[in-house]
């Protein structure tokens, strides 16, 4: 039997591993915070002037969703904490992890094989 609650992707900040969960709560919070539809997230991450703030905010949102989902009682993180724990060299890897979490959080299409007849 498959796991109905798969483990979210993980990142490491300051020597500690954190899950990052892209769920409906995260999508809602991201859209509200940045005033964009979620489909424009990639464009927001390309803006050289905004990428640092956006990444800190996204990671805080996704980490906190993973904490809440795990019901572990761990304290939430904030953007300042995230900003203290990452370096400029970490940014490409962390961006990849965010996009990976986004892809894993999206539902699979019912039309996986368009050549297959019903």
C-alpha atoms as a PDB file:
ATOM      1  CA  UNK A   1       0.000   0.000   0.000  1.00  0.00           C
ATOM      2  CA  UNK A   2       1.379   3.417  -0.920  1.00  0.00           C
ATOM      3  CA  UNK A   3       1.999   6.199   1.569  1.00  0.00           C
ATOM      4  CA  UNK A   4      -0.912   8.628   1.461  1.00  0.00           C
ATOM      5  CA  UNK A   5       1.213  11.376   2.990  1.00  0.00           C
ATOM      6  CA  UNK A   6       4.561  11.238   1.233  1.00  0.00           C
ATOM      7  CA  UNK A   7       7.507  12.925   2.897  1.00  0.00           C
ATOM      8  CA  UNK A   8       8.151  16.404   1.473  1.00  0.00           C
ATOM      9  CA  UNK A   9      11.499  17.231  -0.158  1.00  0.00           C
ATOM     10  CA  UNK A  10      14.145  18.397   2.311  1.00  0.00           C
ATOM     11  CA  UNK A  11      16.657  21.201   2.450  1.00  0.00           C
ATOM     12  CA  UNK A  12      19.409  21.862   4.955  1.00  0.00           C
ATOM     13  CA  UNK A  13      19.735  25.190   6.748  1.00  0.00           C
ATOM     14  CA  UNK A  14      22.381  25.744   9.382  1.00  0.00           C
ATOM     15  CA  UNK A  15      23.104  22.031   9.673  1.00  0.00           C
ATOM     16  CA  UNK A  16      19.446  21.088  10.255  1.00  0.00           C
ATOM     17  CA  UNK A  17      17.151  19.405   7.746  1.00  0.00           C
ATOM     18  CA  UNK A  18      13.746  20.929   7.019  1.00  0.00           C
ATOM     19  CA  UNK A  19      10.935  19.636   4.862  1.00  0.00           C
ATOM     20  CA  UNK A  20       9.433  22.002   2.292  1.00  0.00           C
ATOM     21  CA  UNK A  21       5.787  21.364   1.522  1.00  0.00           C
ATOM     22  CA  UNK A  22       3.977  22.949  -1.401  1.00  0.00           C
ATOM     23  CA  UNK A  23       0.279  22.541  -0.613  1.00  0.00           C
ATOM     24  CA  UNK A  24      -2.877  24.631  -1.044  1.00  0.00           C
ATOM     25  CA  UNK A  25      -2.124  26.668   2.075  1.00  0.00           C
ATOM     26  CA  UNK A  26       1.337  27.505   0.726  1.00  0.00           C
ATOM     27  CA  UNK A  27      -0.059  28.432  -2.695  1.00  0.00           C
ATOM     28  CA  UNK A  28      -2.669  30.702  -1.113  1.00  0.00           C
ATOM     29  CA  UNK A  29      -0.091  32.416   1.099  1.00  0.00           C
ATOM     30  CA  UNK A  30       2.379  32.874  -1.783  1.00  0.00           C
ATOM     31  CA  UNK A  31      -0.286  34.360  -4.061  1.00  0.00           C
ATOM     32  CA  UNK A  32      -1.412  36.757  -1.317  1.00  0.00           C
ATOM     33  CA  UNK A  33       2.101  37.779  -0.252  1.00  0.00           C
ATOM     34  CA  UNK A  34       3.387  38.470  -3.757  1.00  0.00           C
ATOM     35  CA  UNK A  35       0.055  39.422  -5.352  1.00  0.00           C
ATOM     36  CA  UNK A  36       0.611  37.072  -8.301  1.00  0.00           C
ATOM     37  CA  UNK A  37      -1.039  33.917  -9.605  1.00  0.00           C
ATOM     38  CA  UNK A  38       1.056  30.884  -8.719  1.00  0.00           C
ATOM     39  CA  UNK A  39       1.742  30.329 -12.417  1.00  0.00           C
ATOM     40  CA  UNK A  40       3.990  33.435 -12.314  1.00  0.00           C
ATOM     41  CA  UNK A  41       6.244  32.074  -9.565  1.00  0.00           C
ATOM     42  CA  UNK A  42       9.055  31.194 -11.999  1.00  0.00           C
ATOM     43  CA  UNK A  43       9.035  34.744 -13.390  1.00  0.00           C
ATOM     44  CA  UNK A  44       9.286  36.148  -9.878  1.00  0.00           C
ATOM     45  CA  UNK A  45      12.292  33.929  -9.157  1.00  0.00           C
ATOM     46  CA  UNK A  46      14.077  35.258 -12.279  1.00  0.00           C
ATOM     47  CA  UNK A  47      14.040  38.885 -11.110  1.00  0.00           C
ATOM     48  CA  UNK A  48      17.621  39.534  -9.942  1.00  0.00           C
ATOM     49  CA  UNK A  49      16.554  42.324  -7.579  1.00  0.00           C
ATOM     50  CA  UNK A  50      13.801  40.298  -5.916  1.00  0.00           C
ATOM     51  CA  UNK A  51      15.139  36.739  -5.917  1.00  0.00           C
ATOM     52  CA  UNK A  52      16.746  36.935  -2.460  1.00  0.00           C
ATOM     53  CA  UNK A  53      13.646  38.224  -0.689  1.00  0.00           C
ATOM     54  CA  UNK A  54      11.373  35.937  -2.677  1.00  0.00           C
ATOM     55  CA  UNK A  55      13.481  32.882  -1.878  1.00  0.00           C
ATOM     56  CA  UNK A  56      13.600  33.712   1.843  1.00  0.00           C
ATOM     57  CA  UNK A  57       9.821  34.161   1.915  1.00  0.00           C
ATOM     58  CA  UNK A  58       9.108  31.028  -0.111  1.00  0.00           C
ATOM     59  CA  UNK A  59      11.355  28.874   2.034  1.00  0.00           C
ATOM     60  CA  UNK A  60       9.823  30.187   5.251  1.00  0.00           C
ATOM     61  CA  UNK A  61       6.304  29.479   3.932  1.00  0.00           C
ATOM     62  CA  UNK A  62       7.178  25.986   2.660  1.00  0.00           C
ATOM     63  CA  UNK A  63       9.144  25.002   5.779  1.00  0.00           C
ATOM     64  CA  UNK A  64       6.324  26.163   8.049  1.00  0.00           C
ATOM     65  CA  UNK A  65       3.771  24.185   6.028  1.00  0.00           C
ATOM     66  CA  UNK A  66       5.926  21.054   6.391  1.00  0.00           C
ATOM     67  CA  UNK A  67       6.220  21.683  10.147  1.00  0.00           C
ATOM     68  CA  UNK A  68       2.448  22.126  10.480  1.00  0.00           C
ATOM     69  CA  UNK A  69       1.747  19.063   8.336  1.00  0.00           C
ATOM     70  CA  UNK A  70       4.077  16.891  10.408  1.00  0.00           C
ATOM     71  CA  UNK A  71       2.323  18.029  13.601  1.00  0.00           C
ATOM     72  CA  UNK A  72       5.720  17.815  15.305  1.00  0.00           C
ATOM     73  CA  UNK A  73       5.234  20.943  17.377  1.00  0.00           C
ATOM     74  CA  UNK A  74       8.522  22.371  16.118  1.00  0.00           C
ATOM     75  CA  UNK A  75       8.670  26.160  16.123  1.00  0.00           C
ATOM     76  CA  UNK A  76       8.097  27.993  12.857  1.00  0.00           C
ATOM     77  CA  UNK A  77      10.938  29.728  11.046  1.00  0.00           C
ATOM     78  CA  UNK A  78      10.853  33.278   9.737  1.00  0.00           C
ATOM     79  CA  UNK A  79      12.491  35.039   6.797  1.00  0.00           C
ATOM     80  CA  UNK A  80      15.280  36.469   8.978  1.00  0.00           C
ATOM     81  CA  UNK A  81      16.226  32.982  10.174  1.00  0.00           C
ATOM     82  CA  UNK A  82      16.238  31.641   6.605  1.00  0.00           C
ATOM     83  CA  UNK A  83      18.311  34.609   5.409  1.00  0.00           C
ATOM     84  CA  UNK A  84      20.899  34.001   8.125  1.00  0.00           C
ATOM     85  CA  UNK A  85      21.321  30.367   7.179  1.00  0.00           C
ATOM     86  CA  UNK A  86      21.766  30.599   3.391  1.00  0.00           C
ATOM     87  CA  UNK A  87      24.582  31.997   1.317  1.00  0.00           C
ATOM     88  CA  UNK A  88      24.561  33.305  -2.237  1.00  0.00           C
ATOM     89  CA  UNK A  89      26.210  30.029  -3.309  1.00  0.00           C
ATOM     90  CA  UNK A  90      23.204  28.109  -1.914  1.00  0.00           C
ATOM     91  CA  UNK A  91      20.670  29.960  -4.064  1.00  0.00           C
ATOM     92  CA  UNK A  92      20.725  27.780  -7.222  1.00  0.00           C
ATOM     93  CA  UNK A  93      20.288  24.575  -5.188  1.00  0.00           C
ATOM     94  CA  UNK A  94      17.533  26.068  -3.046  1.00  0.00           C
ATOM     95  CA  UNK A  95      15.690  27.387  -6.108  1.00  0.00           C
ATOM     96  CA  UNK A  96      15.834  23.891  -7.604  1.00  0.00           C
ATOM     97  CA  UNK A  97      14.433  22.436  -4.368  1.00  0.00           C
ATOM     98  CA  UNK A  98      11.569  24.951  -4.366  1.00  0.00           C
ATOM     99  CA  UNK A  99      10.667  24.070  -7.956  1.00  0.00           C
ATOM    100  CA  UNK A 100      10.955  20.368  -7.102  1.00  0.00           C
ATOM    101  CA  UNK A 101       8.568  20.822  -4.163  1.00  0.00           C
ATOM    102  CA  UNK A 102       6.217  22.751  -6.464  1.00  0.00           C
ATOM    103  CA  UNK A 103       6.261  19.930  -9.037  1.00  0.00           C
ATOM    104  CA  UNK A 104       5.680  17.277  -6.364  1.00  0.00           C
ATOM    105  CA  UNK A 105       2.777  19.255  -4.940  1.00  0.00           C
ATOM    106  CA  UNK A 106       0.940  19.481  -8.236  1.00  0.00           C
ATOM    107  CA  UNK A 107      -1.686  16.836  -9.017  1.00  0.00           C
ATOM    108  CA  UNK A 108      -0.880  14.362 -11.746  1.00  0.00           C
ATOM    109  CA  UNK A 109      -2.765  14.787 -14.980  1.00  0.00           C
ATOM    110  CA  UNK A 110      -5.522  12.307 -15.787  1.00  0.00           C
ATOM    111  CA  UNK A 111      -4.350  12.446 -19.402  1.00  0.00           C
ATOM    112  CA  UNK A 112      -0.927  10.899 -18.884  1.00  0.00           C
ATOM    113  CA  UNK A 113      -0.828   9.192 -22.278  1.00  0.00           C
ATOM    114  CA  UNK A 114      -2.759  11.112 -24.968  1.00  0.00           C
ATOM    115  CA  UNK A 115      -2.256   8.266 -27.468  1.00  0.00           C
ATOM    116  CA  UNK A 116      -4.044   5.774 -25.255  1.00  0.00           C
ATOM    117  CA  UNK A 117      -7.694   5.264 -26.246  1.00  0.00           C
ATOM    118  CA  UNK A 118     -10.475   4.843 -23.742  1.00  0.00           C
END
